[in-house]
Protein backbone atom coordinates (compact mmCIF):
# COMPACT_ATOMS: atom_id res chain seq x y z
CA UNK A 1 -59.04 29.96 10.84
CA UNK A 2 -56.60 32.80 11.18
CA UNK A 3 -54.56 33.03 14.28
CA UNK A 4 -55.51 36.26 15.98
CA UNK A 5 -52.58 38.59 16.15
CA UNK A 6 -52.35 41.38 18.62
CA UNK A 7 -50.15 44.37 18.00
CA UNK A 8 -49.51 46.90 20.70
CA UNK A 9 -47.45 49.89 19.66
CA UNK A 10 -45.93 52.13 22.31
CA UNK A 11 -45.15 55.47 20.77
CA UNK A 12 -42.57 57.80 22.25
CA UNK A 13 -41.44 61.05 20.65
CA UNK A 14 -40.00 60.34 17.21
CA UNK A 15 -41.38 56.82 16.72
CA UNK A 16 -44.55 55.58 15.04
CA UNK A 17 -45.25 52.30 13.31
CA UNK A 18 -43.32 51.53 10.15
CA UNK A 19 -40.30 53.56 9.08
CA UNK A 20 -41.39 56.86 10.56
CA UNK A 21 -38.62 59.42 10.34
CA UNK A 22 -40.50 62.68 10.89
CA UNK A 23 -42.66 63.72 13.81
CA UNK A 24 -44.52 66.77 15.01
CA UNK A 25 -47.46 68.84 13.89
CA UNK A 26 -48.30 69.12 10.20
CA UNK A 27 -48.15 72.58 8.71
CA UNK A 28 -50.67 71.76 6.01
CA UNK A 29 -53.74 71.93 8.28
CA UNK A 30 -55.97 69.84 5.98
CA UNK A 31 -59.64 70.05 6.75
CA UNK A 32 -61.03 67.14 8.68
CA UNK A 33 -63.37 64.76 6.82
CA UNK A 34 -67.13 65.09 7.25
CA UNK A 35 -68.62 63.60 10.40
CA UNK A 36 -70.80 60.50 10.15
CA UNK A 37 -74.55 60.61 9.59
CA UNK A 38 -75.55 60.71 13.25
CA UNK A 39 -73.59 63.95 13.68
CA UNK A 40 -74.93 65.60 10.52
CA UNK A 41 -77.21 68.00 12.38
CA UNK A 42 -74.55 69.17 14.79
CA UNK A 43 -73.10 72.62 14.13
CA UNK A 44 -69.49 72.70 13.04
CA UNK A 45 -67.24 74.38 15.58
CA UNK A 46 -65.16 77.34 14.39
CA UNK A 47 -61.50 76.98 13.56
CA UNK A 48 -59.01 77.30 16.40
CA UNK A 49 -55.50 78.60 16.00
CA UNK A 50 -52.59 76.70 17.46
CA UNK A 51 -48.84 76.90 17.23
CA UNK A 52 -48.83 75.32 13.75
CA UNK A 53 -51.05 78.18 12.58
CA UNK A 54 -54.79 77.79 11.98
CA UNK A 55 -56.16 74.28 12.49
CA UNK A 56 -59.81 73.49 11.85
CA UNK A 57 -61.41 71.84 14.85
CA UNK A 58 -62.81 68.38 14.13
CA UNK A 59 -66.52 67.92 13.64
CA UNK A 60 -68.46 65.07 15.23
CA UNK A 61 -70.00 64.26 18.60
CA UNK A 62 -68.20 65.19 21.83
CA UNK A 63 -68.54 62.38 24.37
CA UNK A 64 -67.27 61.62 27.85
CA UNK A 65 -67.43 58.66 30.20
CA UNK A 66 -71.05 59.48 31.08
CA UNK A 67 -72.31 59.99 27.52
CA UNK A 68 -70.19 57.53 25.56
CA UNK A 69 -73.19 55.20 25.18
CA UNK A 70 -72.51 52.60 22.47
CA UNK A 71 -69.00 53.90 21.93
CA UNK A 72 -66.99 56.26 19.77
CA UNK A 73 -67.03 56.45 15.99
CA UNK A 74 -64.20 57.80 13.86
CA UNK A 75 -64.91 61.53 13.73
CA UNK A 76 -66.06 61.74 17.35
CA UNK A 77 -64.22 63.54 20.14
CA UNK A 78 -63.63 62.07 23.60
CA UNK A 79 -63.34 64.51 26.50
CA UNK A 80 -61.60 63.39 29.69
CA UNK A 81 -62.69 64.68 33.09
CA UNK A 82 -60.07 67.43 33.16
CA UNK A 83 -61.07 68.76 29.71
CA UNK A 84 -58.37 67.09 27.59
CA UNK A 85 -59.91 66.09 24.25
CA UNK A 86 -58.85 63.44 21.72
CA UNK A 87 -60.30 63.12 18.22
CA UNK A 88 -59.56 60.51 15.56
CA UNK A 89 -61.18 61.80 12.39
CA UNK A 90 -63.07 59.87 9.74
CA UNK A 91 -60.77 57.59 7.74
CA UNK A 92 -59.94 58.11 4.06
CA UNK A 93 -58.41 55.72 1.54
CA UNK A 94 -54.68 56.33 1.22
CA UNK A 95 -51.93 55.29 -1.19
CA UNK A 96 -48.52 55.37 0.53
CA UNK A 97 -45.27 56.30 -1.17
CA UNK A 98 -43.40 53.40 -2.78
CA UNK A 99 -40.85 53.12 0.02
CA UNK A 100 -43.53 52.79 2.68
CA UNK A 101 -45.75 50.55 0.54
CA UNK A 102 -42.87 48.08 0.21
CA UNK A 103 -42.82 47.75 3.99
CA UNK A 104 -46.58 47.23 4.25
CA UNK A 105 -46.99 44.23 1.95
CA UNK A 106 -48.81 42.27 4.68
CA UNK A 107 -51.28 45.14 5.10
CA UNK A 108 -52.89 45.80 1.70
CA UNK A 109 -55.70 48.05 3.00
CA UNK A 110 -54.45 51.53 3.91
CA UNK A 111 -56.21 54.57 5.33
CA UNK A 112 -55.29 57.90 6.78
CA UNK A 113 -57.04 59.81 9.55
CA UNK A 114 -56.59 63.18 11.19
CA UNK A 115 -55.71 63.00 14.89
CA UNK A 116 -56.29 66.02 17.12
CA UNK A 117 -55.44 66.57 20.77
CA UNK A 118 -56.77 69.66 22.53
CA UNK A 119 -55.86 70.67 26.06
CA UNK A 120 -59.09 71.95 27.56
CA UNK A 121 -57.73 71.63 31.09
CA UNK A 122 -56.40 74.48 33.22
CA UNK A 123 -52.81 73.22 33.39
CA UNK A 124 -49.96 72.54 30.97
CA UNK A 125 -49.66 68.91 29.86
CA UNK A 126 -46.60 67.19 28.40
CA UNK A 127 -47.78 64.35 26.15
CA UNK A 128 -45.56 62.07 24.12
CA UNK A 129 -46.24 58.42 24.86
CA UNK A 130 -49.29 56.50 23.65
CA UNK A 131 -50.42 52.87 23.49
CA UNK A 132 -52.30 52.27 20.23
CA UNK A 133 -53.82 49.10 18.79
CA UNK A 134 -55.34 49.01 15.30
CA UNK A 135 -57.50 46.07 14.22
CA UNK A 136 -59.55 44.83 11.30
CA UNK A 137 -62.04 42.61 13.06
CA UNK A 138 -59.78 40.41 15.20
CA UNK A 139 -56.74 40.81 12.92
CA UNK A 140 -54.05 43.20 14.09
CA UNK A 141 -53.19 46.13 11.87
CA UNK A 142 -50.34 48.61 11.81
CA UNK A 143 -50.02 52.35 12.27
CA UNK A 144 -47.51 53.92 9.94
CA UNK A 145 -46.00 57.21 8.94
CA UNK A 146 -45.17 58.49 5.47
CA UNK A 147 -42.97 61.59 5.68
CA UNK A 148 -43.13 62.14 1.92
CA UNK A 149 -46.89 62.68 2.23
CA UNK A 150 -46.93 64.39 5.64
CA UNK A 151 -48.21 61.43 7.61
CA UNK A 152 -46.67 61.72 11.04
CA UNK A 153 -46.87 60.64 14.65
CA UNK A 154 -49.78 61.44 16.93
CA UNK A 155 -49.63 65.04 18.15
CA UNK A 156 -47.14 65.30 20.98
CA UNK A 157 -45.17 67.74 23.11
CA UNK A 158 -46.20 70.42 25.56
CA UNK A 159 -49.81 71.58 25.46
CA UNK A 160 -50.57 74.81 27.27
CA UNK A 161 -54.21 75.31 28.35
CA UNK A 162 -56.23 75.87 25.17
CA UNK A 163 -53.58 74.44 22.83
CA UNK A 164 -54.77 72.18 19.98
CA UNK A 165 -52.49 70.17 17.68
CA UNK A 166 -53.37 68.00 14.69
CA UNK A 167 -51.49 65.53 12.51
CA UNK A 168 -52.44 62.88 9.96
CA UNK A 169 -51.58 59.24 10.69
CA UNK A 170 -51.66 56.10 8.55
CA UNK A 171 -53.58 52.91 9.35
CA UNK A 172 -52.72 49.69 7.48
CA UNK A 173 -54.87 46.54 7.74
CA UNK A 174 -54.46 42.92 6.65
CA UNK A 175 -58.13 42.42 5.77
CA UNK A 176 -61.34 44.32 5.14
CA UNK A 177 -63.03 43.78 8.52
CA UNK A 178 -64.48 46.17 11.09
CA UNK A 179 -61.89 48.85 11.69
CA UNK A 180 -61.14 49.82 15.28
CA UNK A 181 -58.46 51.88 16.98
CA UNK A 182 -57.72 51.65 20.70
CA UNK A 183 -55.95 54.68 22.09
CA UNK A 184 -54.47 55.35 25.52
CA UNK A 185 -52.22 58.06 26.87
CA UNK A 186 -49.64 56.37 29.08
CA UNK A 187 -46.85 57.61 31.31
CA UNK A 188 -47.06 60.54 33.68
CA UNK A 189 -50.38 61.81 32.27
CA UNK A 190 -52.02 58.39 31.83
CA UNK A 191 -55.70 58.32 30.90
CA UNK A 192 -58.26 55.56 30.43
CA UNK A 193 -58.28 53.63 27.16
CA UNK A 194 -60.78 54.68 24.49
CA UNK A 195 -61.79 52.91 21.27
CA UNK A 196 -62.89 54.43 17.97
CA UNK A 197 -64.81 52.24 15.47
CA UNK A 198 -65.87 52.56 11.85
């Protein structure tokens, strides 16, 4: 029986997982993957411009502490009481660059997902430190960046009211179990922990 490993990554500005050397918002603005079946009938929200220039807002269900029900799925959006929103998009298979792949030999299953943070509150927020745990079943996984393919850190920096920033992040897993990602904003603007599942 495998010994359960637990990996808790604390991300400050400029650091994410394995060998991440580039941070900040992606300029590519790739479209987010389709939402899961239970969100198929929900209208897609229009695109919203941000400082990186034209990001498409994620599709999926918007939930809060009162409507979270059986939890969040990848593709859903969680809205905190003050209007701050966090989305981890649907995951896609991903092949990292050779340099990064050589550092992920213990994690043969790799995905990427689009992460979006939107400040729907009425005040400016400075975000840059997160606690993130990725798991496959009970086995700990690893978040990673791949600068050669524009995989970066979670969106960070100053968010004026209405600002929305998106990046793509990598998720590496040791086994093909149930994928989950626990996310928490820590530090001065700490929020409750939320968990996205596949």
